[in-house]
Amino acid sequence: DEDRFPSIYERYMPLLRTIAGSRGIPY
């Protein structure tokens, strides 16, 4: 799990940031 979590974070963080930005969340 210690190895999986950072890889999941790196993989999905840009997508989640895009979703939040498209939903009108302030930068």
PDB file of all heavy atoms in Angstrom:
ATOM      1  N   ASP A   1       0.823  -1.210   0.000  1.00  0.00           N
ATOM      2  CA  ASP A   1       0.000   0.000   0.000  1.00  0.00           C
ATOM      3  C   ASP A   1       0.854   1.257   0.000  1.00  0.00           C
ATOM      4  O   ASP A   1       0.486   2.265  -0.597  1.00  0.00           O
ATOM      5  CB  ASP A   1      -0.931   0.007   1.218  1.00  0.00           C
ATOM      6  CG  ASP A   1      -2.109  -0.937   1.042  1.00  0.00           C
ATOM      7  OD1 ASP A   1      -2.277  -1.475  -0.074  1.00  0.00           O
ATOM      8  OD2 ASP A   1      -2.859  -1.120   2.017  1.00  0.00           O
ATOM      9  N   GLU A   2       2.008   1.175   0.650  1.00  0.00           N
ATOM     10  CA  GLU A   2       2.900   2.334   0.692  1.00  0.00           C
ATOM     11  C   GLU A   2       3.414   2.690  -0.699  1.00  0.00           C
ATOM     12  O   GLU A   2       3.670   3.848  -0.998  1.00  0.00           O
ATOM     13  CB  GLU A   2       4.074   2.066   1.635  1.00  0.00           C
ATOM     14  CG  GLU A   2       3.669   1.997   3.086  1.00  0.00           C
ATOM     15  CD  GLU A   2       4.833   1.635   3.991  1.00  0.00           C
ATOM     16  OE1 GLU A   2       5.992   1.609   3.525  1.00  0.00           O
ATOM     17  OE2 GLU A   2       4.582   1.366   5.170  1.00  0.00           O
ATOM     18  N   ASP A   3       3.564   1.685  -1.549  1.00  0.00           N
ATOM     19  CA  ASP A   3       4.015   1.934  -2.919  1.00  0.00           C
ATOM     20  C   ASP A   3       2.846   2.280  -3.839  1.00  0.00           C
ATOM     21  O   ASP A   3       3.005   3.056  -4.784  1.00  0.00           O
ATOM     22  CB  ASP A   3       4.738   0.701  -3.471  1.00  0.00           C
ATOM     23  CG  ASP A   3       6.009   0.387  -2.689  1.00  0.00           C
ATOM     24  OD1 ASP A   3       6.604   1.331  -2.123  1.00  0.00           O
ATOM     25  OD2 ASP A   3       6.385  -0.802  -2.634  1.00  0.00           O
ATOM     26  N   ARG A   4       1.685   1.683  -3.591  1.00  0.00           N
ATOM     27  CA  ARG A   4       0.525   1.897  -4.456  1.00  0.00           C
ATOM     28  C   ARG A   4      -0.021   3.312  -4.337  1.00  0.00           C
ATOM     29  O   ARG A   4      -0.377   3.928  -5.336  1.00  0.00           O
ATOM     30  CB  ARG A   4      -0.589   0.911  -4.088  1.00  0.00           C
ATOM     31  CG  ARG A   4      -0.428  -0.416  -4.707  1.00  0.00           C
ATOM     32  CD  ARG A   4      -1.712  -1.236  -4.525  1.00  0.00           C
ATOM     33  NE  ARG A   4      -1.395  -2.601  -4.879  1.00  0.00           N
ATOM     34  CZ  ARG A   4      -1.286  -3.599  -4.015  1.00  0.00           C
ATOM     35  NH1 ARG A   4      -1.521  -3.402  -2.745  1.00  0.00           N
ATOM     36  NH2 ARG A   4      -0.963  -4.795  -4.417  1.00  0.00           N
ATOM     37  N   PHE A   5      -0.143   3.799  -3.107  1.00  0.00           N
ATOM     38  CA  PHE A   5      -0.774   5.106  -2.924  1.00  0.00           C
ATOM     39  C   PHE A   5      -0.070   6.229  -3.686  1.00  0.00           C
ATOM     40  O   PHE A   5      -0.738   6.997  -4.382  1.00  0.00           O
ATOM     41  CB  PHE A   5      -0.913   5.454  -1.435  1.00  0.00           C
ATOM     42  CG  PHE A   5      -1.755   6.662  -1.212  1.00  0.00           C
ATOM     43  CD1 PHE A   5      -3.134   6.597  -1.339  1.00  0.00           C
ATOM     44  CD2 PHE A   5      -1.178   7.887  -0.912  1.00  0.00           C
ATOM     45  CE1 PHE A   5      -3.919   7.711  -1.159  1.00  0.00           C
ATOM     46  CE2 PHE A   5      -1.952   9.009  -0.732  1.00  0.00           C
ATOM     47  CZ  PHE A   5      -3.337   8.923  -0.850  1.00  0.00           C
ATOM     48  N   PRO A   6       1.255   6.359  -3.614  1.00  0.00           N
ATOM     49  CA  PRO A   6       1.900   7.425  -4.399  1.00  0.00           C
ATOM     50  C   PRO A   6       1.661   7.285  -5.905  1.00  0.00           C
ATOM     51  O   PRO A   6       1.481   8.284  -6.602  1.00  0.00           O
ATOM     52  CB  PRO A   6       3.385   7.289  -4.065  1.00  0.00           C
ATOM     53  CG  PRO A   6       3.421   6.611  -2.747  1.00  0.00           C
ATOM     54  CD  PRO A   6       2.219   5.707  -2.732  1.00  0.00           C
ATOM     55  N   SER A   7       1.635   6.055  -6.393  1.00  0.00           N
ATOM     56  CA  SER A   7       1.401   5.889  -7.837  1.00  0.00           C
ATOM     57  C   SER A   7      -0.032   6.262  -8.208  1.00  0.00           C
ATOM     58  O   SER A   7      -0.265   6.866  -9.256  1.00  0.00           O
ATOM     59  CB  SER A   7       1.729   4.464  -8.278  1.00  0.00           C
ATOM     60  OG  SER A   7       0.811   3.550  -7.741  1.00  0.00           O
ATOM     61  N   ILE A   8      -0.981   5.920  -7.345  1.00  0.00           N
ATOM     62  CA  ILE A   8      -2.379   6.314  -7.582  1.00  0.00           C
ATOM     63  C   ILE A   8      -2.491   7.835  -7.532  1.00  0.00           C
ATOM     64  O   ILE A   8      -3.146   8.447  -8.375  1.00  0.00           O
ATOM     65  CB  ILE A   8      -3.311   5.648  -6.543  1.00  0.00           C
ATOM     66  CG1 ILE A   8      -3.405   4.143  -6.806  1.00  0.00           C
ATOM     67  CG2 ILE A   8      -4.695   6.282  -6.557  1.00  0.00           C
ATOM     68  CD1 ILE A   8      -4.135   3.366  -5.740  1.00  0.00           C
ATOM     69  N   TYR A   9      -1.835   8.424  -6.558  1.00  0.00           N
ATOM     70  CA  TYR A   9      -1.868   9.884  -6.418  1.00  0.00           C
ATOM     71  C   TYR A   9      -1.316  10.559  -7.673  1.00  0.00           C
ATOM     72  O   TYR A   9      -1.948  11.471  -8.221  1.00  0.00           O
ATOM     73  CB  TYR A   9      -1.070  10.306  -5.175  1.00  0.00           C
ATOM     74  CG  TYR A   9      -1.085  11.786  -4.947  1.00  0.00           C
ATOM     75  CD1 TYR A   9      -2.131  12.383  -4.276  1.00  0.00           C
ATOM     76  CD2 TYR A   9      -0.053  12.595  -5.426  1.00  0.00           C
ATOM     77  CE1 TYR A   9      -2.156  13.751  -4.071  1.00  0.00           C
ATOM     78  CE2 TYR A   9      -0.070  13.964  -5.227  1.00  0.00           C
ATOM     79  CZ  TYR A   9      -1.120  14.533  -4.548  1.00  0.00           C
ATOM     80  OH  TYR A   9      -1.159  15.877  -4.354  1.00  0.00           O
ATOM     81  N   GLU A  10      -0.178  10.141  -8.120  1.00  0.00           N
ATOM     82  CA  GLU A  10       0.443  10.754  -9.298  1.00  0.00           C
ATOM     83  C   GLU A  10      -0.396  10.552 -10.555  1.00  0.00           C
ATOM     84  O   GLU A  10      -0.478  11.431 -11.405  1.00  0.00           O
ATOM     85  CB  GLU A  10       1.845  10.184  -9.504  1.00  0.00           C
ATOM     86  CG  GLU A  10       2.836  10.642  -8.468  1.00  0.00           C
ATOM     87  CD  GLU A  10       4.188   9.939  -8.585  1.00  0.00           C
ATOM     88  OE1 GLU A  10       4.455   9.348  -9.658  1.00  0.00           O
ATOM     89  OE2 GLU A  10       4.946   9.970  -7.607  1.00  0.00           O
ATOM     90  N   ARG A  11      -1.025   9.389 -10.662  1.00  0.00           N
ATOM     91  CA  ARG A  11      -1.801   9.076 -11.854  1.00  0.00           C
ATOM     92  C   ARG A  11      -3.088   9.903 -11.932  1.00  0.00           C
ATOM     93  O   ARG A  11      -3.460  10.385 -13.005  1.00  0.00           O
ATOM     94  CB  ARG A  11      -2.140   7.582 -11.868  1.00  0.00           C
ATOM     95  CG  ARG A  11      -2.850   7.145 -13.148  1.00  0.00           C
ATOM     96  CD  ARG A  11      -3.128   5.648 -13.201  1.00  0.00           C
ATOM     97  NE  ARG A  11      -1.947   4.880 -12.842  1.00  0.00           N
ATOM     98  CZ  ARG A  11      -1.956   3.878 -11.947  1.00  0.00           C
ATOM     99  NH1 ARG A  11      -3.067   3.523 -11.362  1.00  0.00           N
ATOM    100  NH2 ARG A  11      -0.852   3.221 -11.665  1.00  0.00           N
ATOM    101  N   TYR A  12      -3.789  10.075 -10.811  1.00  0.00           N
ATOM    102  CA  TYR A  12      -5.127  10.678 -10.845  1.00  0.00           C
ATOM    103  C   TYR A  12      -5.198  12.131 -10.382  1.00  0.00           C
ATOM    104  O   TYR A  12      -6.219  12.783 -10.571  1.00  0.00           O
ATOM    105  CB  TYR A  12      -6.102   9.832 -10.031  1.00  0.00           C
ATOM    106  CG  TYR A  12      -6.259   8.461 -10.625  1.00  0.00           C
ATOM    107  CD1 TYR A  12      -5.828   7.339  -9.930  1.00  0.00           C
ATOM    108  CD2 TYR A  12      -6.797   8.288 -11.890  1.00  0.00           C
ATOM    109  CE1 TYR A  12      -5.941   6.078 -10.472  1.00  0.00           C
ATOM    110  CE2 TYR A  12      -6.913   7.024 -12.448  1.00  0.00           C
ATOM    111  CZ  TYR A  12      -6.486   5.931 -11.734  1.00  0.00           C
ATOM    112  OH  TYR A  12      -6.599   4.687 -12.281  1.00  0.00           O
ATOM    113  N   MET A  13      -4.147  12.651  -9.786  1.00  0.00           N
ATOM    114  CA  MET A  13      -4.177  14.026  -9.299  1.00  0.00           C
ATOM    115  C   MET A  13      -4.489  15.035 -10.401  1.00  0.00           C
ATOM    116  O   MET A  13      -5.355  15.895 -10.224  1.00  0.00           O
ATOM    117  CB  MET A  13      -2.865  14.362  -8.586  1.00  0.00           C
ATOM    118  CG  MET A  13      -2.895  15.677  -7.826  1.00  0.00           C
ATOM    119  SD  MET A  13      -2.221  17.061  -8.726  1.00  0.00           S
ATOM    120  CE  MET A  13      -0.591  16.521  -9.072  1.00  0.00           C
ATOM    121  N   PRO A  14      -3.874  14.972 -11.590  1.00  0.00           N
ATOM    122  CA  PRO A  14      -4.214  15.948 -12.640  1.00  0.00           C
ATOM    123  C   PRO A  14      -5.686  15.863 -13.063  1.00  0.00           C
ATOM    124  O   PRO A  14      -6.333  16.899 -13.269  1.00  0.00           O
ATOM    125  CB  PRO A  14      -3.293  15.572 -13.805  1.00  0.00           C
ATOM    126  CG  PRO A  14      -2.150  14.840 -13.173  1.00  0.00           C
ATOM    127  CD  PRO A  14      -2.741  14.116 -12.001  1.00  0.00           C
ATOM    128  N   LEU A  15      -6.210  14.663 -13.171  1.00  0.00           N
ATOM    129  CA  LEU A  15      -7.609  14.490 -13.545  1.00  0.00           C
ATOM    130  C   LEU A  15      -8.529  15.114 -12.496  1.00  0.00           C
ATOM    131  O   LEU A  15      -9.474  15.837 -12.833  1.00  0.00           O
ATOM    132  CB  LEU A  15      -7.943  13.004 -13.708  1.00  0.00           C
ATOM    133  CG  LEU A  15      -9.419  12.674 -13.883  1.00  0.00           C
ATOM    134  CD1 LEU A  15      -9.936  13.196 -15.220  1.00  0.00           C
ATOM    135  CD2 LEU A  15      -9.653  11.183 -13.752  1.00  0.00           C
ATOM    136  N   LEU A  16      -8.257  14.843 -11.230  1.00  0.00           N
ATOM    137  CA  LEU A  16      -9.107  15.355 -10.154  1.00  0.00           C
ATOM    138  C   LEU A  16      -9.026  16.875 -10.072  1.00  0.00           C
ATOM    139  O   LEU A  16     -10.033  17.541  -9.803  1.00  0.00           O
ATOM    140  CB  LEU A  16      -8.728  14.710  -8.821  1.00  0.00           C
ATOM    141  CG  LEU A  16      -8.863  13.180  -8.779  1.00  0.00           C
ATOM    142  CD1 LEU A  16      -8.513  12.653  -7.402  1.00  0.00           C
ATOM    143  CD2 LEU A  16     -10.239  12.725  -9.202  1.00  0.00           C
ATOM    144  N   ARG A  17      -7.853  17.423 -10.313  1.00  0.00           N
ATOM    145  CA  ARG A  17      -7.720  18.888 -10.339  1.00  0.00           C
ATOM    146  C   ARG A  17      -8.554  19.479 -11.471  1.00  0.00           C
ATOM    147  O   ARG A  17      -9.193  20.510 -11.307  1.00  0.00           O
ATOM    148  CB  ARG A  17      -6.256  19.284 -10.509  1.00  0.00           C
ATOM    149  CG  ARG A  17      -5.407  19.043  -9.271  1.00  0.00           C
ATOM    150  CD  ARG A  17      -4.042  19.595  -9.508  1.00  0.00           C
ATOM    151  NE  ARG A  17      -4.247  20.952  -9.988  1.00  0.00           N
ATOM    152  CZ  ARG A  17      -3.798  22.045  -9.423  1.00  0.00           C
ATOM    153  NH1 ARG A  17      -3.064  21.974  -8.431  1.00  0.00           N
ATOM    154  NH2 ARG A  17      -4.050  23.234  -9.886  1.00  0.00           N
ATOM    155  N   THR A  18      -8.552  18.818 -12.612  1.00  0.00           N
ATOM    156  CA  THR A  18      -9.339  19.282 -13.760  1.00  0.00           C
ATOM    157  C   THR A  18     -10.830  19.244 -13.440  1.00  0.00           C
ATOM    158  O   THR A  18     -11.566  20.187 -13.759  1.00  0.00           O
ATOM    159  CB  THR A  18      -9.040  18.414 -15.003  1.00  0.00           C
ATOM    160  OG1 THR A  18      -7.641  18.462 -15.272  1.00  0.00           O
ATOM    161  CG2 THR A  18      -9.820  18.891 -16.205  1.00  0.00           C
ATOM    162  N   ILE A  19     -11.273  18.162 -12.816  1.00  0.00           N
ATOM    163  CA  ILE A  19     -12.686  18.039 -12.449  1.00  0.00           C
ATOM    164  C   ILE A  19     -13.073  19.164 -11.493  1.00  0.00           C
ATOM    165  O   ILE A  19     -14.106  19.820 -11.676  1.00  0.00           O
ATOM    166  CB  ILE A  19     -12.971  16.662 -11.821  1.00  0.00           C
ATOM    167  CG1 ILE A  19     -12.834  15.558 -12.871  1.00  0.00           C
ATOM    168  CG2 ILE A  19     -14.364  16.628 -11.189  1.00  0.00           C
ATOM    169  CD1 ILE A  19     -12.879  14.146 -12.309  1.00  0.00           C
ATOM    170  N   ALA A  20     -12.263  19.390 -10.469  1.00  0.00           N
ATOM    171  CA  ALA A  20     -12.573  20.435  -9.488  1.00  0.00           C
ATOM    172  C   ALA A  20     -12.596  21.810 -10.153  1.00  0.00           C
ATOM    173  O   ALA A  20     -13.489  22.629  -9.882  1.00  0.00           O
ATOM    174  CB  ALA A  20     -11.570  20.400  -8.340  1.00  0.00           C
ATOM    175  N   GLY A  21     -11.640  22.067 -11.034  1.00  0.00           N
ATOM    176  CA  GLY A  21     -11.612  23.355 -11.733  1.00  0.00           C
ATOM    177  C   GLY A  21     -12.821  23.548 -12.625  1.00  0.00           C
ATOM    178  O   GLY A  21     -13.380  24.652 -12.708  1.00  0.00           O
ATOM    179  N   SER A  22     -13.248  22.491 -13.296  1.00  0.00           N
ATOM    180  CA  SER A  22     -14.405  22.595 -14.189  1.00  0.00           C
ATOM    181  C   SER A  22     -15.708  22.764 -13.416  1.00  0.00           C
ATOM    182  O   SER A  22     -16.704  23.205 -13.974  1.00  0.00           O
ATOM    183  CB  SER A  22     -14.501  21.365 -15.087  1.00  0.00           C
ATOM    184  OG  SER A  22     -14.861  20.227 -14.334  1.00  0.00           O
ATOM    185  N   ARG A  23     -15.696  22.441 -12.149  1.00  0.00           N
ATOM    186  CA  ARG A  23     -16.884  22.594 -11.303  1.00  0.00           C
ATOM    187  C   ARG A  23     -16.933  23.949 -10.614  1.00  0.00           C
ATOM    188  O   ARG A  23     -17.742  24.167  -9.718  1.00  0.00           O
ATOM    189  CB  ARG A  23     -16.925  21.486 -10.259  1.00  0.00           C
ATOM    190  CG  ARG A  23     -17.067  20.126 -10.882  1.00  0.00           C
ATOM    191  CD  ARG A  23     -18.220  19.463 -10.321  1.00  0.00           C
ATOM    192  NE  ARG A  23     -18.614  18.313 -11.082  1.00  0.00           N
ATOM    193  CZ  ARG A  23     -19.815  17.843 -11.033  1.00  0.00           C
ATOM    194  NH1 ARG A  23     -20.704  18.411 -10.285  1.00  0.00           N
ATOM    195  NH2 ARG A  23     -20.138  16.786 -11.730  1.00  0.00           N
ATOM    196  N   GLY A  24     -16.025  24.859 -10.999  1.00  0.00           N
ATOM    197  CA  GLY A  24     -16.082  26.216 -10.486  1.00  0.00           C
ATOM    198  C   GLY A  24     -15.414  26.433  -9.141  1.00  0.00           C
ATOM    199  O   GLY A  24     -15.660  27.439  -8.483  1.00  0.00           O
ATOM    200  N   ILE A  25     -14.578  25.525  -8.727  1.00  0.00           N
ATOM    201  CA  ILE A  25     -13.860  25.681  -7.467  1.00  0.00           C
ATOM    202  C   ILE A  25     -12.738  26.700  -7.689  1.00  0.00           C
ATOM    203  O   ILE A  25     -11.994  26.608  -8.669  1.00  0.00           O
ATOM    204  CB  ILE A  25     -13.274  24.330  -6.994  1.00  0.00           C
ATOM    205  CG1 ILE A  25     -14.376  23.287  -6.831  1.00  0.00           C
ATOM    206  CG2 ILE A  25     -12.487  24.498  -5.703  1.00  0.00           C
ATOM    207  CD1 ILE A  25     -15.449  23.628  -5.836  1.00  0.00           C
ATOM    208  N   PRO A  26     -12.579  27.672  -6.787  1.00  0.00           N
ATOM    209  CA  PRO A  26     -11.491  28.647  -6.939  1.00  0.00           C
ATOM    210  C   PRO A  26     -10.133  27.958  -6.968  1.00  0.00           C
ATOM    211  O   PRO A  26      -9.918  26.942  -6.299  1.00  0.00           O
ATOM    212  CB  PRO A  26     -11.620  29.531  -5.689  1.00  0.00           C
ATOM    213  CG  PRO A  26     -13.016  29.345  -5.222  1.00  0.00           C
ATOM    214  CD  PRO A  26     -13.418  27.966  -5.630  1.00  0.00           C
ATOM    215  N   TYR A  27      -9.226  28.527  -7.733  1.00  0.00           N
ATOM    216  CA  TYR A  27      -7.901  27.936  -7.935  1.00  0.00           C
ATOM    217  C   TYR A  27      -7.207  27.609  -6.614  1.00  0.00           C
ATOM    218  O   TYR A  27      -6.589  26.560  -6.478  1.00  0.00           O
ATOM    219  CB  TYR A  27      -7.044  28.880  -8.781  1.00  0.00           C
ATOM    220  CG  TYR A  27      -5.681  28.334  -9.092  1.00  0.00           C
ATOM    221  CD1 TYR A  27      -5.518  27.378 -10.091  1.00  0.00           C
ATOM    222  CD2 TYR A  27      -4.560  28.750  -8.378  1.00  0.00           C
ATOM    223  CE1 TYR A  27      -4.261  26.859 -10.376  1.00  0.00           C
ATOM    224  CE2 TYR A  27      -3.306  28.239  -8.656  1.00  0.00           C
ATOM    225  CZ  TYR A  27      -3.164  27.287  -9.650  1.00  0.00           C
ATOM    226  OH  TYR A  27      -1.924  26.763  -9.922  1.00  0.00           O
TER     227      TYR A  27
END
